[in-house]
């Protein structure tokens, strides 16, 4: 997952009046693109875990620890995606409740 450098995070948290005019157009990916990429990676981890389970169940020579590691990684990725979703929803609710 791609992370934002600290100056960009601080700039995003600053009020609009305090931001420089050039900050409005960044060359990096949009929030939607970052979110889509993270969800695609989560889906890919689930696909890998499913494939490992199927290989194991069909009797292929795959160690149990690889199956468990793939399942744990997919589970952790899902928990992270759920936590991020919850935080985004909370932020949206806070923004909609702000009075102008």
N, C-alpha and C. Protein backbone atom coordinates (compact mmCIF):
# COMPACT_ATOMS: atom_id res chain seq x y z
N UNK A 1 0.84 -1.16 0.00
CA UNK A 1 0.00 0.00 0.00
C UNK A 1 0.89 1.23 0.00
N UNK A 2 0.53 2.20 -0.80
CA UNK A 2 1.31 3.43 -0.91
C UNK A 2 0.91 4.38 0.22
N UNK A 3 1.91 4.97 0.87
CA UNK A 3 1.63 5.90 1.96
C UNK A 3 1.98 7.31 1.53
N UNK A 4 1.30 8.28 2.14
CA UNK A 4 1.57 9.68 1.84
C UNK A 4 2.71 10.18 2.71
N UNK A 5 3.58 11.02 2.15
CA UNK A 5 4.62 11.61 2.98
C UNK A 5 3.98 12.55 4.01
N UNK A 6 4.67 12.76 5.12
CA UNK A 6 4.15 13.58 6.21
C UNK A 6 3.73 14.98 5.76
N UNK A 7 4.50 15.70 4.92
CA UNK A 7 4.06 17.05 4.51
C UNK A 7 2.71 17.04 3.81
N UNK A 8 2.43 16.01 2.99
CA UNK A 8 1.14 15.95 2.31
C UNK A 8 0.01 15.68 3.28
N UNK A 9 0.26 14.88 4.30
CA UNK A 9 -0.76 14.62 5.29
C UNK A 9 -1.07 15.90 6.06
N UNK A 10 -0.05 16.61 6.46
CA UNK A 10 -0.27 17.87 7.18
C UNK A 10 -1.00 18.87 6.30
N UNK A 11 -0.64 18.92 5.03
CA UNK A 11 -1.27 19.85 4.11
C UNK A 11 -2.75 19.50 3.93
N UNK A 12 -3.05 18.21 3.87
CA UNK A 12 -4.44 17.78 3.71
C UNK A 12 -5.27 18.13 4.94
N UNK A 13 -4.64 18.14 6.11
CA UNK A 13 -5.35 18.44 7.34
C UNK A 13 -5.48 19.94 7.58
N UNK A 14 -4.72 20.76 6.87
CA UNK A 14 -4.76 22.21 7.07
C UNK A 14 -6.04 22.79 6.50
N UNK A 15 -6.53 23.89 7.09
CA UNK A 15 -7.71 24.55 6.53
C UNK A 15 -7.44 25.03 5.12
N UNK A 16 -8.48 25.16 4.32
CA UNK A 16 -8.32 25.53 2.92
C UNK A 16 -7.62 26.88 2.75
N UNK A 17 -7.87 27.82 3.64
CA UNK A 17 -7.24 29.14 3.53
C UNK A 17 -5.74 29.08 3.78
N UNK A 18 -5.29 28.11 4.56
CA UNK A 18 -3.87 28.01 4.90
C UNK A 18 -3.07 27.23 3.87
N UNK A 19 -3.74 26.55 2.93
CA UNK A 19 -3.04 25.76 1.93
C UNK A 19 -2.53 26.65 0.80
N UNK A 20 -1.36 26.33 0.27
CA UNK A 20 -0.90 27.06 -0.89
C UNK A 20 -1.76 26.72 -2.11
N UNK A 21 -1.85 27.62 -3.06
CA UNK A 21 -2.69 27.42 -4.24
C UNK A 21 -2.22 26.23 -5.07
N UNK A 22 -0.93 25.96 -5.10
CA UNK A 22 -0.40 24.85 -5.90
C UNK A 22 -0.76 23.49 -5.30
N UNK A 23 -1.17 23.46 -4.05
CA UNK A 23 -1.49 22.19 -3.41
C UNK A 23 -2.77 21.58 -3.94
N UNK A 24 -3.59 22.37 -4.62
CA UNK A 24 -4.87 21.87 -5.12
C UNK A 24 -4.67 20.83 -6.22
N UNK A 25 -3.62 20.95 -7.01
CA UNK A 25 -3.39 19.99 -8.08
C UNK A 25 -2.14 19.18 -7.77
N UNK A 26 -2.34 17.97 -7.30
CA UNK A 26 -1.21 17.10 -7.01
C UNK A 26 -1.01 16.13 -8.17
N UNK A 27 0.20 15.65 -8.32
CA UNK A 27 0.49 14.72 -9.39
C UNK A 27 0.24 13.28 -8.98
N UNK A 28 -0.03 13.04 -7.70
CA UNK A 28 -0.23 11.69 -7.20
C UNK A 28 -1.61 11.16 -7.55
N UNK A 29 -1.85 9.91 -7.18
CA UNK A 29 -3.15 9.29 -7.47
C UNK A 29 -4.25 9.92 -6.61
N UNK A 30 -5.46 9.85 -7.11
CA UNK A 30 -6.59 10.38 -6.35
C UNK A 30 -6.95 9.42 -5.22
N UNK A 31 -7.77 9.91 -4.30
CA UNK A 31 -8.22 9.07 -3.19
C UNK A 31 -8.95 7.84 -3.70
N UNK A 32 -9.77 8.03 -4.72
CA UNK A 32 -10.52 6.90 -5.28
C UNK A 32 -9.57 5.85 -5.87
N UNK A 33 -8.50 6.30 -6.52
CA UNK A 33 -7.55 5.36 -7.10
C UNK A 33 -6.81 4.58 -6.02
N UNK A 34 -6.42 5.27 -4.96
CA UNK A 34 -5.73 4.61 -3.85
C UNK A 34 -6.66 3.59 -3.20
N UNK A 35 -7.91 3.98 -2.99
CA UNK A 35 -8.89 3.08 -2.38
C UNK A 35 -9.14 1.87 -3.27
N UNK A 36 -9.29 2.10 -4.57
CA UNK A 36 -9.52 0.99 -5.51
C UNK A 36 -8.32 0.05 -5.50
N UNK A 37 -7.11 0.58 -5.48
CA UNK A 37 -5.91 -0.26 -5.45
C UNK A 37 -5.84 -1.11 -4.19
N UNK A 38 -6.19 -0.51 -3.05
CA UNK A 38 -6.17 -1.25 -1.79
C UNK A 38 -7.21 -2.37 -1.80
N UNK A 39 -8.39 -2.08 -2.34
CA UNK A 39 -9.43 -3.12 -2.40
C UNK A 39 -9.06 -4.21 -3.39
N UNK A 40 -8.40 -3.85 -4.48
CA UNK A 40 -7.94 -4.86 -5.43
C UNK A 40 -6.89 -5.77 -4.79
N UNK A 41 -5.99 -5.19 -3.99
CA UNK A 41 -4.98 -6.00 -3.30
C UNK A 41 -5.63 -6.94 -2.29
N UNK A 42 -6.65 -6.44 -1.60
CA UNK A 42 -7.37 -7.29 -0.65
C UNK A 42 -8.02 -8.45 -1.38
N UNK A 43 -8.66 -8.17 -2.52
CA UNK A 43 -9.28 -9.24 -3.29
C UNK A 43 -8.24 -10.24 -3.79
N UNK A 44 -7.08 -9.74 -4.21
CA UNK A 44 -6.02 -10.63 -4.69
C UNK A 44 -5.53 -11.55 -3.57
N UNK A 45 -5.42 -11.02 -2.35
CA UNK A 45 -5.00 -11.85 -1.22
C UNK A 45 -6.03 -12.93 -0.92
N UNK A 46 -7.30 -12.61 -1.06
CA UNK A 46 -8.35 -13.61 -0.86
C UNK A 46 -8.31 -14.67 -1.95
N UNK A 47 -8.03 -14.25 -3.18
CA UNK A 47 -7.91 -15.21 -4.28
C UNK A 47 -6.76 -16.18 -4.05
N UNK A 48 -5.63 -15.65 -3.57
CA UNK A 48 -4.46 -16.50 -3.28
C UNK A 48 -4.80 -17.48 -2.15
N UNK A 49 -5.46 -16.98 -1.11
CA UNK A 49 -5.83 -17.85 0.02
C UNK A 49 -6.78 -18.95 -0.44
N UNK A 50 -7.76 -18.59 -1.28
CA UNK A 50 -8.69 -19.60 -1.81
C UNK A 50 -7.96 -20.65 -2.63
N UNK A 51 -7.01 -20.20 -3.44
CA UNK A 51 -6.25 -21.14 -4.26
C UNK A 51 -5.43 -22.09 -3.39
N UNK A 52 -4.81 -21.57 -2.32
CA UNK A 52 -4.02 -22.41 -1.42
C UNK A 52 -4.90 -23.46 -0.73
N UNK A 53 -6.09 -23.05 -0.31
CA UNK A 53 -7.01 -24.00 0.34
C UNK A 53 -7.43 -25.08 -0.64
N UNK A 54 -7.75 -24.69 -1.87
CA UNK A 54 -8.15 -25.68 -2.88
C UNK A 54 -7.01 -26.65 -3.18
N UNK A 55 -5.79 -26.12 -3.29
CA UNK A 55 -4.63 -26.99 -3.53
C UNK A 55 -4.47 -27.99 -2.38
N UNK A 56 -4.60 -27.50 -1.17
CA UNK A 56 -4.45 -28.36 0.00
C UNK A 56 -5.54 -29.43 0.04
N UNK A 57 -6.77 -29.03 -0.26
CA UNK A 57 -7.89 -29.98 -0.21
C UNK A 57 -7.84 -31.01 -1.33
N UNK A 58 -7.22 -30.65 -2.44
CA UNK A 58 -7.08 -31.61 -3.54
C UNK A 58 -5.88 -32.53 -3.37
N UNK A 59 -5.19 -32.39 -2.26
CA UNK A 59 -4.09 -33.28 -1.96
C UNK A 59 -2.76 -32.90 -2.58
N UNK A 60 -2.65 -31.69 -3.08
CA UNK A 60 -1.39 -31.26 -3.66
C UNK A 60 -0.37 -31.06 -2.54
N UNK A 61 0.90 -31.08 -2.93
CA UNK A 61 1.98 -30.97 -1.95
C UNK A 61 2.20 -29.51 -1.56
N UNK A 62 1.37 -29.04 -0.63
CA UNK A 62 1.49 -27.68 -0.13
C UNK A 62 1.47 -27.74 1.40
N UNK A 63 2.44 -27.15 2.05
CA UNK A 63 2.50 -27.22 3.51
C UNK A 63 1.31 -26.49 4.16
N UNK A 64 0.89 -27.01 5.28
CA UNK A 64 -0.24 -26.43 6.00
C UNK A 64 0.07 -25.00 6.43
N UNK A 65 1.32 -24.74 6.80
CA UNK A 65 1.64 -23.39 7.27
C UNK A 65 1.49 -22.35 6.16
N UNK A 66 1.70 -22.74 4.90
CA UNK A 66 1.48 -21.81 3.80
C UNK A 66 0.00 -21.49 3.63
N UNK A 67 -0.83 -22.50 3.81
CA UNK A 67 -2.28 -22.29 3.73
C UNK A 67 -2.73 -21.36 4.85
N UNK A 68 -2.27 -21.63 6.05
CA UNK A 68 -2.66 -20.81 7.20
C UNK A 68 -2.13 -19.37 7.07
N UNK A 69 -0.92 -19.22 6.56
CA UNK A 69 -0.36 -17.87 6.38
C UNK A 69 -1.16 -17.09 5.35
N UNK A 70 -1.55 -17.73 4.27
CA UNK A 70 -2.34 -17.05 3.24
C UNK A 70 -3.71 -16.65 3.80
N UNK A 71 -4.32 -17.53 4.58
CA UNK A 71 -5.61 -17.22 5.19
C UNK A 71 -5.49 -16.08 6.20
N UNK A 72 -4.43 -16.09 7.00
CA UNK A 72 -4.23 -15.04 7.99
C UNK A 72 -3.98 -13.69 7.31
N UNK A 73 -3.21 -13.70 6.23
CA UNK A 73 -2.93 -12.46 5.51
C UNK A 73 -4.21 -11.88 4.89
N UNK A 74 -5.03 -12.75 4.32
CA UNK A 74 -6.30 -12.29 3.75
C UNK A 74 -7.22 -11.75 4.84
N UNK A 75 -7.25 -12.42 5.98
CA UNK A 75 -8.08 -11.97 7.09
C UNK A 75 -7.62 -10.61 7.61
N UNK A 76 -6.33 -10.44 7.77
CA UNK A 76 -5.80 -9.17 8.25
C UNK A 76 -6.09 -8.05 7.26
N UNK A 77 -5.97 -8.34 5.98
CA UNK A 77 -6.26 -7.35 4.95
C UNK A 77 -7.73 -6.94 4.99
N UNK A 78 -8.62 -7.90 5.21
CA UNK A 78 -10.05 -7.60 5.31
C UNK A 78 -10.35 -6.75 6.54
N UNK A 79 -9.71 -7.07 7.66
CA UNK A 79 -9.92 -6.28 8.88
C UNK A 79 -9.44 -4.84 8.68
N UNK A 80 -8.31 -4.66 7.99
CA UNK A 80 -7.80 -3.33 7.72
C UNK A 80 -8.76 -2.56 6.82
N UNK A 81 -9.26 -3.22 5.78
CA UNK A 81 -10.21 -2.57 4.86
C UNK A 81 -11.48 -2.17 5.61
N UNK A 82 -11.93 -3.02 6.51
CA UNK A 82 -13.12 -2.71 7.31
C UNK A 82 -12.87 -1.52 8.22
N UNK A 83 -11.71 -1.47 8.85
CA UNK A 83 -11.37 -0.35 9.73
C UNK A 83 -11.29 0.96 8.96
N UNK A 84 -10.68 0.93 7.78
CA UNK A 84 -10.58 2.13 6.96
C UNK A 84 -11.97 2.58 6.52
N UNK A 85 -12.80 1.64 6.12
CA UNK A 85 -14.17 1.96 5.72
C UNK A 85 -14.93 2.63 6.85
N UNK A 86 -14.79 2.09 8.05
CA UNK A 86 -15.46 2.66 9.21
C UNK A 86 -14.99 4.08 9.46
N UNK A 87 -13.69 4.32 9.37
CA UNK A 87 -13.16 5.66 9.59
C UNK A 87 -13.63 6.64 8.52
N UNK A 88 -13.70 6.20 7.28
CA UNK A 88 -14.18 7.07 6.20
C UNK A 88 -15.64 7.43 6.42
N UNK A 89 -16.44 6.47 6.83
CA UNK A 89 -17.85 6.73 7.11
C UNK A 89 -17.99 7.70 8.28
N UNK A 90 -17.20 7.51 9.33
CA UNK A 90 -17.23 8.43 10.47
C UNK A 90 -16.84 9.84 10.05
N UNK A 91 -15.83 9.96 9.21
CA UNK A 91 -15.40 11.28 8.73
C UNK A 91 -16.49 11.92 7.88
N UNK A 92 -17.13 11.14 7.04
CA UNK A 92 -18.22 11.66 6.21
C UNK A 92 -19.36 12.16 7.09
N UNK A 93 -19.73 11.39 8.10
CA UNK A 93 -20.80 11.80 9.01
C UNK A 93 -20.42 13.09 9.74
N UNK A 94 -19.16 13.19 10.15
CA UNK A 94 -18.72 14.41 10.84
C UNK A 94 -18.78 15.61 9.91
N UNK A 95 -18.42 15.42 8.65
CA UNK A 95 -18.49 16.52 7.68
C UNK A 95 -19.92 16.93 7.39
N UNK A 96 -20.82 15.96 7.29
CA UNK A 96 -22.22 16.31 6.99
C UNK A 96 -22.91 16.98 8.16
N UNK A 97 -22.39 16.78 9.37
CA UNK A 97 -23.00 17.40 10.54
C UNK A 97 -22.43 18.77 10.85
N UNK A 98 -21.37 19.18 10.15
CA UNK A 98 -20.78 20.49 10.38
C UNK A 98 -21.73 21.58 9.89
N UNK A 99 -21.76 22.64 10.65
CA UNK A 99 -22.58 23.77 10.25
C UNK A 99 -21.70 24.80 9.56
N UNK A 100 -22.22 25.33 8.48
CA UNK A 100 -21.44 26.29 7.68
C UNK A 100 -21.63 27.69 8.19
